[in-house]
Amino acid sequence: MTTASGRRPGLRWVVVLVLGLVLGLVALLALAGATELFDQDSAAPAGDVGSADPSVTGPTVSPSPTGSPTPSPSPSPSSTPSPTPSPAPVPVETPQPRERVFAGNRTLVAYYGTASSGALGVLGEERPDAIIGRLTRAARAFERPGRPVQVVFELIVTIADAVPGPDGDFNHDIARADVERYVRAAHRHDALLLLDVQPGRASFVDVAKRWTWALRDPRVGLALDPEWRMTRTEVPGRVIGRVDAAEVNEVSLWLANLTRRERLPQKLFVLHQFRTSMIERIGRVAVRQRLATVQHVDGFGTGEQKIATMRAVLRADKFHSGFKLFYDEDVGLMSPARVLAIRPRVRFISYQ
């Protein structure tokens, strides 16, 4: 049946119904697409979680969800976040000189002293660019097949004093300009620079932090000399100082964290000692992978006396071995061959 206009009465409603279904389908597709985009934006990108430093026991910048460190023997940066579904490869650090201090079976040979004065050691007898020739010749005497040598400037940057000084801490720092000269010389001559600190009544970590600017350099390490670590009532030069393992660990943790944050190669970390009492609870001193820790046995005398001191003090199961030679105070300067014959093997020799 048709009307006078010739149209079927239900056709209009059929058209309306079809249009409604089409519009509804379009809306559902749009909503699904928006939901997918939201899910992609809110998901954590692959590689967004950093790995903890296995050599540092303190807090890390970006801990993993499980709270456990990624087992890795050497420093590596956190993975770079990737917006793609597939994980991006972990970026490789730009290679730094001397990634591991003793890599290649190296022996380190140092001149010890402070800037512009030979009173505290041979290093200060000449400018760094002049003394490097003497140091290089001394180091070559320790070179053996398969055992190359690495020269080191060991520079006393904080010197203990017999008077309190303006801060009352019985120490003073040498001029920054002097340290900068040695930093530049280390780069020119492919040397390492070791900053030696004598804290007086200050703590080692407080003094070390004053040299943060220099320790950011990849060639610069740190040495602690407990002989000059005084209590609140002691005066440098009147007694032999001492430090507890807890304070050493505080310094090494700070230095390892600095090395990690700055993405630096392994740093040289030296502990001077010639009496067992100078480092209390030495068995609790932490050894950190980002630091090459050397127990450096000082003390002057005959060769037999020096070796006896070394055997009494050295903890070769924990640390690399260091040994000091005194040009003036030793009774019969030990030859390089005799030093190299010491067992366990000496890895760091310094001349004062």
Protein backbone atom coordinates (compact mmCIF):
# COMPACT_ATOMS: atom_id res chain seq x y z
CA MET A 1 0.00 0.00 0.00
CA THR A 2 1.34 3.49 -0.89
CA THR A 3 0.24 7.02 -0.06
CA ALA A 4 -0.58 9.74 -2.51
CA SER A 5 3.08 10.86 -2.52
CA GLY A 6 4.21 7.38 -3.63
CA ARG A 7 6.47 6.66 -0.55
CA ARG A 8 6.18 3.72 1.79
CA PRO A 9 5.33 4.95 5.32
CA GLY A 10 8.23 2.98 7.14
CA LEU A 11 11.11 3.88 4.81
CA ARG A 12 11.95 7.12 6.63
CA TRP A 13 12.44 5.28 9.91
CA VAL A 14 14.62 2.63 8.29
CA VAL A 15 16.96 5.33 6.93
CA VAL A 16 17.15 7.00 10.37
CA LEU A 17 17.95 3.68 12.03
CA VAL A 18 20.77 2.87 9.58
CA LEU A 19 22.34 6.32 10.02
CA GLY A 20 22.20 5.91 13.80
CA LEU A 21 24.00 2.56 13.62
CA VAL A 22 26.74 4.01 11.38
CA LEU A 23 27.34 6.98 13.69
CA GLY A 24 27.47 4.70 16.72
CA LEU A 25 30.08 2.45 15.07
CA VAL A 26 32.24 5.48 14.20
CA ALA A 27 32.07 6.68 17.81
CA LEU A 28 33.12 3.27 19.15
CA LEU A 29 36.13 3.13 16.82
CA ALA A 30 37.22 6.64 17.88
CA LEU A 31 36.94 5.72 21.57
CA ALA A 32 39.02 2.57 21.09
CA GLY A 33 41.76 4.54 19.37
CA ALA A 34 41.88 7.12 22.15
CA THR A 35 42.11 4.38 24.78
CA GLU A 36 45.07 2.79 22.97
CA LEU A 37 46.90 6.13 22.80
CA PHE A 38 46.34 6.70 26.53
CA ASP A 39 47.73 3.26 27.35
CA GLN A 40 50.88 3.89 25.27
CA ASP A 41 51.58 7.28 26.93
CA SER A 42 51.11 6.03 30.47
CA ALA A 43 53.22 2.86 30.11
CA ALA A 44 56.84 3.01 31.39
CA PRO A 45 59.25 2.99 28.44
CA ALA A 46 61.63 0.08 28.11
CA GLY A 47 64.89 0.70 29.93
CA ASP A 48 63.46 3.48 32.11
CA VAL A 49 64.62 1.85 35.36
CA GLY A 50 68.28 2.40 36.26
CA SER A 51 70.58 -0.25 37.75
CA ALA A 52 72.11 0.08 41.19
CA ASP A 53 75.86 0.29 41.64
CA PRO A 54 77.07 -3.08 42.95
CA SER A 55 80.13 -1.47 44.52
CA VAL A 56 78.29 1.17 46.55
CA THR A 57 76.17 0.32 49.56
CA GLY A 58 74.48 3.72 49.83
CA PRO A 59 71.30 4.95 48.11
CA THR A 60 71.25 5.01 44.32
CA VAL A 61 69.74 7.60 42.02
CA SER A 62 67.21 5.28 40.38
CA PRO A 63 66.68 2.01 42.26
CA SER A 64 65.29 -1.01 40.49
CA PRO A 65 61.73 -2.14 41.37
CA THR A 66 63.07 -5.11 43.32
CA GLY A 67 65.55 -3.00 45.25
CA SER A 68 68.43 -5.33 44.34
CA PRO A 69 71.50 -4.14 42.42
CA THR A 70 72.31 -5.28 38.93
CA PRO A 71 75.44 -7.46 39.22
CA SER A 72 78.08 -5.62 37.19
CA PRO A 73 81.79 -5.43 37.97
CA SER A 74 82.33 -2.03 36.38
CA PRO A 75 80.43 1.25 36.25
CA SER A 76 77.74 1.53 33.59
CA PRO A 77 75.14 4.23 32.96
CA SER A 78 71.42 3.62 33.31
CA SER A 79 69.59 2.54 30.16
CA THR A 80 68.20 5.33 27.98
CA PRO A 81 64.37 5.39 27.89
CA SER A 82 62.95 4.35 24.51
CA PRO A 83 59.46 5.27 23.27
CA THR A 84 59.28 2.19 21.06
CA PRO A 85 57.78 -1.10 22.28
CA SER A 86 61.11 -2.94 21.81
CA PRO A 87 63.82 -2.23 24.44
CA ALA A 88 66.60 0.08 23.32
CA PRO A 89 70.20 -1.14 23.80
CA VAL A 90 72.05 0.20 26.84
CA PRO A 91 74.29 3.09 25.68
CA VAL A 92 78.04 2.60 26.08
CA GLU A 93 80.04 5.21 27.96
CA THR A 94 82.66 7.16 26.10
CA PRO A 95 85.93 5.34 26.91
CA GLN A 96 88.01 7.13 29.53
CA PRO A 97 91.76 6.67 30.03
CA ARG A 98 92.70 3.95 32.50
CA GLU A 99 89.27 2.38 32.97
CA ARG A 100 90.79 0.15 35.67
CA VAL A 101 93.73 1.52 37.62
CA PHE A 102 95.73 -1.71 37.51
CA ALA A 103 94.51 -2.94 34.12
CA GLY A 104 97.21 -4.40 31.91
CA ASN A 105 99.12 -5.64 34.99
CA ARG A 106 100.48 -2.13 35.59
CA THR A 107 102.82 -1.09 38.37
CA LEU A 108 102.32 2.47 39.67
CA VAL A 109 105.34 4.59 40.57
CA ALA A 110 104.89 7.97 42.27
CA TYR A 111 106.83 10.98 43.46
CA TYR A 112 105.40 12.29 46.76
CA GLY A 113 105.42 15.83 48.14
CA THR A 114 103.67 19.16 47.98
CA ALA A 115 103.79 22.10 45.58
CA SER A 116 106.79 24.43 45.35
CA SER A 117 108.71 22.92 48.26
CA GLY A 118 111.00 19.94 48.66
CA ALA A 119 110.59 19.93 52.43
CA LEU A 120 107.83 17.29 52.36
CA GLY A 121 109.10 15.18 49.50
CA VAL A 122 110.82 14.97 46.15
CA LEU A 123 107.77 15.99 44.12
CA GLY A 124 108.04 19.64 45.14
CA GLU A 125 111.71 20.03 44.28
CA GLU A 126 110.83 21.09 40.74
CA ARG A 127 107.82 22.22 38.72
CA PRO A 128 105.62 19.32 37.51
CA ASP A 129 106.76 19.69 33.90
CA ALA A 130 110.38 19.49 35.06
CA ILE A 131 110.06 16.71 37.65
CA ILE A 132 108.27 14.40 35.21
CA GLY A 133 111.59 13.47 33.58
CA ARG A 134 113.09 12.26 36.86
CA LEU A 135 109.88 10.45 37.76
CA THR A 136 109.71 8.70 34.40
CA ARG A 137 113.29 7.48 34.71
CA ALA A 138 112.61 6.20 38.24
CA ALA A 139 109.47 4.42 37.03
CA ARG A 140 111.19 2.69 34.12
CA ALA A 141 113.43 0.84 36.57
CA PHE A 142 110.31 -1.04 37.73
CA GLU A 143 109.16 -1.98 34.25
CA ARG A 144 109.25 -5.66 33.35
CA PRO A 145 107.95 -7.68 30.36
CA GLY A 146 104.17 -7.77 30.64
CA ARG A 147 104.28 -5.29 33.53
CA PRO A 148 104.16 -1.72 32.22
CA VAL A 149 104.51 1.23 34.58
CA GLN A 150 102.21 4.18 35.23
CA VAL A 151 103.63 7.41 36.67
CA VAL A 152 101.77 9.20 39.47
CA PHE A 153 102.06 12.63 41.07
CA GLU A 154 101.16 12.21 44.76
CA LEU A 155 100.49 15.76 45.87
CA ILE A 156 99.80 16.73 49.49
CA VAL A 157 96.93 19.19 49.11
CA THR A 158 95.83 19.50 52.76
CA ILE A 159 98.72 19.78 55.21
CA ALA A 160 98.46 19.20 58.97
CA ASP A 161 99.63 22.07 61.16
CA ALA A 162 100.90 22.35 64.73
CA VAL A 163 98.67 25.40 65.27
CA PRO A 164 94.85 25.60 65.07
CA GLY A 165 94.60 28.08 62.22
CA PRO A 166 91.53 30.25 61.43
CA ASP A 167 89.15 27.27 61.46
CA GLY A 168 90.65 25.60 64.50
CA ASP A 169 91.11 22.32 62.61
CA PHE A 170 94.95 22.24 62.54
CA ASN A 171 95.29 22.03 58.76
CA HIS A 172 95.51 24.22 55.69
CA ASP A 173 94.97 23.70 51.95
CA ILE A 174 97.52 24.59 49.33
CA ALA A 175 96.41 27.04 46.63
CA ARG A 176 93.92 25.84 44.08
CA ALA A 177 96.13 27.23 41.32
CA ASP A 178 98.93 24.87 42.40
CA VAL A 179 96.62 21.86 42.20
CA GLU A 180 95.35 22.97 38.80
CA ARG A 181 98.95 23.03 37.52
CA TYR A 182 99.34 19.36 38.48
CA VAL A 183 95.99 18.43 36.95
CA ARG A 184 97.06 19.95 33.63
CA ALA A 185 100.49 18.32 33.87
CA ALA A 186 98.89 14.91 34.53
CA HIS A 187 96.93 15.24 31.29
CA ARG A 188 99.96 16.42 29.30
CA HIS A 189 102.22 13.62 30.53
CA ASP A 190 99.72 10.72 30.75
CA ALA A 191 100.10 10.62 34.54
CA LEU A 192 97.72 10.04 37.42
CA LEU A 193 97.35 12.65 40.17
CA LEU A 194 96.79 11.48 43.74
CA LEU A 195 95.55 14.09 46.24
CA ASP A 196 96.97 13.36 49.69
CA VAL A 197 95.11 14.81 52.68
CA GLN A 198 96.36 15.32 56.26
CA PRO A 199 93.22 16.41 58.12
CA GLY A 200 94.47 17.42 61.57
CA ARG A 201 91.37 17.61 63.77
CA ALA A 202 88.93 17.70 60.83
CA SER A 203 87.31 14.53 59.49
CA PHE A 204 88.66 12.95 56.33
CA VAL A 205 85.35 13.25 54.50
CA ASP A 206 85.02 16.96 55.26
CA VAL A 207 88.51 17.62 53.94
CA ALA A 208 88.05 15.38 50.90
CA LYS A 209 84.89 17.23 49.88
CA ARG A 210 86.88 20.46 49.66
CA TRP A 211 88.63 18.86 46.67
CA THR A 212 85.51 17.68 44.85
CA TRP A 213 86.24 19.98 41.92
CA ALA A 214 89.57 18.21 41.29
CA LEU A 215 88.27 14.69 41.99
CA ARG A 216 85.79 15.11 39.13
CA ASP A 217 88.76 14.76 36.80
CA PRO A 218 89.19 11.17 35.52
CA ARG A 219 92.91 11.12 36.35
CA VAL A 220 92.63 12.31 39.96
CA GLY A 221 92.48 9.97 42.98
CA LEU A 222 92.55 10.35 46.76
CA ALA A 223 94.94 9.30 49.56
CA LEU A 224 94.20 9.35 53.30
CA ASP A 225 97.08 9.69 55.77
CA PRO A 226 95.87 8.62 59.24
CA GLU A 227 99.19 9.63 60.81
CA TRP A 228 97.79 13.16 60.75
CA ARG A 229 94.19 12.41 61.84
CA MET A 230 93.91 13.88 65.35
CA THR A 231 91.28 13.69 68.07
CA ARG A 232 89.80 16.91 69.54
CA THR A 233 92.65 17.17 72.07
CA GLU A 234 95.65 16.06 70.00
CA VAL A 235 98.14 18.16 68.03
CA PRO A 236 99.75 17.04 64.75
CA GLY A 237 103.39 16.11 65.09
CA ARG A 238 103.13 15.25 68.80
CA VAL A 239 101.33 11.93 68.39
CA ILE A 240 100.76 9.38 65.63
CA GLY A 241 97.15 9.68 64.53
CA ARG A 242 94.59 7.02 63.70
CA VAL A 243 91.27 6.52 61.95
CA ASP A 244 88.45 4.03 62.36
CA ALA A 245 87.17 1.85 59.53
CA ALA A 246 83.81 3.61 59.71
CA GLU A 247 85.37 6.94 58.75
CA VAL A 248 87.36 5.34 55.92
CA ASN A 249 84.15 3.76 54.64
CA GLU A 250 82.35 7.10 54.77
CA VAL A 251 85.02 8.61 52.53
CA SER A 252 85.17 5.69 50.11
CA LEU A 253 81.38 5.61 49.77
CA TRP A 254 81.31 9.32 49.00
CA LEU A 255 84.13 8.95 46.46
CA ALA A 256 82.56 5.89 44.81
CA ASN A 257 79.25 7.73 44.49
CA LEU A 258 81.02 10.73 42.97
CA THR A 259 82.74 8.41 40.49
CA ARG A 260 79.41 6.84 39.55
CA ARG A 261 77.51 10.11 39.19
CA GLU A 262 80.23 11.67 37.03
CA ARG A 263 80.64 8.43 35.00
CA LEU A 264 84.37 8.37 35.72
CA PRO A 265 86.79 5.46 35.39
CA GLN A 266 87.91 3.61 38.48
CA LYS A 267 89.72 5.88 40.93
CA LEU A 268 92.89 5.28 42.89
CA PHE A 269 92.18 5.27 46.65
CA VAL A 270 95.18 4.96 48.96
CA LEU A 271 95.41 4.35 52.72
CA HIS A 272 98.79 5.20 54.25
CA GLN A 273 99.90 3.15 57.26
CA PHE A 274 103.01 2.07 59.14
CA ARG A 275 101.46 0.91 62.45
CA THR A 276 98.59 -1.49 62.93
CA SER A 277 96.96 1.03 65.30
CA MET A 278 96.68 3.69 62.59
CA ILE A 279 93.60 2.06 60.97
CA GLU A 280 91.32 0.67 63.66
CA ARG A 281 89.12 -2.34 62.74
CA ILE A 282 90.83 -2.57 59.37
CA GLY A 283 89.02 -5.82 58.64
CA ARG A 284 85.82 -3.77 58.30
CA VAL A 285 87.19 -1.40 55.68
CA ALA A 286 84.98 -1.75 52.61
CA VAL A 287 86.51 -2.53 49.23
CA ARG A 288 84.53 -0.91 46.42
CA GLN A 289 84.71 -1.86 42.76
CA ARG A 290 84.76 1.75 41.62
CA LEU A 291 87.91 2.35 43.65
CA ALA A 292 91.30 0.64 43.41
CA THR A 293 92.15 0.53 47.11
CA VAL A 294 95.83 0.43 48.04
CA GLN A 295 97.18 -0.15 51.55
CA HIS A 296 100.41 1.84 51.34
CA VAL A 297 103.00 0.78 53.90
CA ASP A 298 105.19 3.72 54.92
CA GLY A 299 108.00 3.89 57.45
CA PHE A 300 111.74 4.37 56.93
CA GLY A 301 114.77 2.36 58.00
CA THR A 302 116.80 -0.52 56.62
CA GLY A 303 115.36 -2.80 53.98
CA GLU A 304 114.86 -5.55 56.55
CA GLN A 305 113.00 -3.19 58.91
CA LYS A 306 110.75 -1.92 56.12
CA ILE A 307 109.84 -5.43 54.96
CA ALA A 308 109.16 -6.46 58.57
CA THR A 309 106.80 -3.49 58.94
CA MET A 310 105.06 -4.46 55.74
CA ARG A 311 104.51 -8.02 56.91
CA ALA A 312 103.10 -6.80 60.23
CA VAL A 313 100.70 -4.27 58.69
CA LEU A 314 99.68 -5.44 55.21
CA ARG A 315 96.29 -7.06 54.56
CA ALA A 316 97.02 -8.48 51.13
CA ASP A 317 93.75 -10.43 51.16
CA LYS A 318 91.82 -7.13 50.98
CA PHE A 319 93.97 -4.49 49.32
CA HIS A 320 96.55 -3.83 46.64
CA SER A 321 100.00 -3.48 48.14
CA GLY A 322 101.88 -0.17 48.31
CA PHE A 323 105.41 0.57 49.50
CA LYS A 324 107.30 3.82 50.18
CA LEU A 325 110.98 4.55 49.59
CA PHE A 326 112.68 7.50 51.30
CA TYR A 327 115.61 9.09 49.49
CA ASP A 328 116.97 10.71 52.66
CA GLU A 329 115.67 8.76 55.66
CA ASP A 330 116.08 5.14 54.50
CA VAL A 331 119.28 3.37 55.52
CA GLY A 332 120.44 2.03 52.17
CA LEU A 333 117.77 2.80 49.56
CA MET A 334 116.20 -0.45 48.35
CA SER A 335 116.70 -1.14 44.64
CA PRO A 336 113.76 -1.62 42.27
CA ALA A 337 114.73 -5.27 41.85
CA ARG A 338 114.57 -5.85 45.59
CA VAL A 339 111.19 -4.12 45.87
CA LEU A 340 109.80 -6.17 42.98
CA ALA A 341 110.98 -9.35 44.73
CA ILE A 342 108.72 -8.66 47.74
CA ARG A 343 105.76 -11.03 48.06
CA PRO A 344 102.92 -10.41 47.82
CA ARG A 345 103.80 -8.26 44.83
CA VAL A 346 103.98 -4.50 45.37
CA ARG A 347 101.68 -2.68 42.91
CA PHE A 348 102.31 0.93 43.96
CA ILE A 349 105.74 2.36 44.84
CA SER A 350 106.21 5.97 45.93
CA TYR A 351 109.39 7.94 46.50
CA GLN A 352 109.57 10.66 49.14
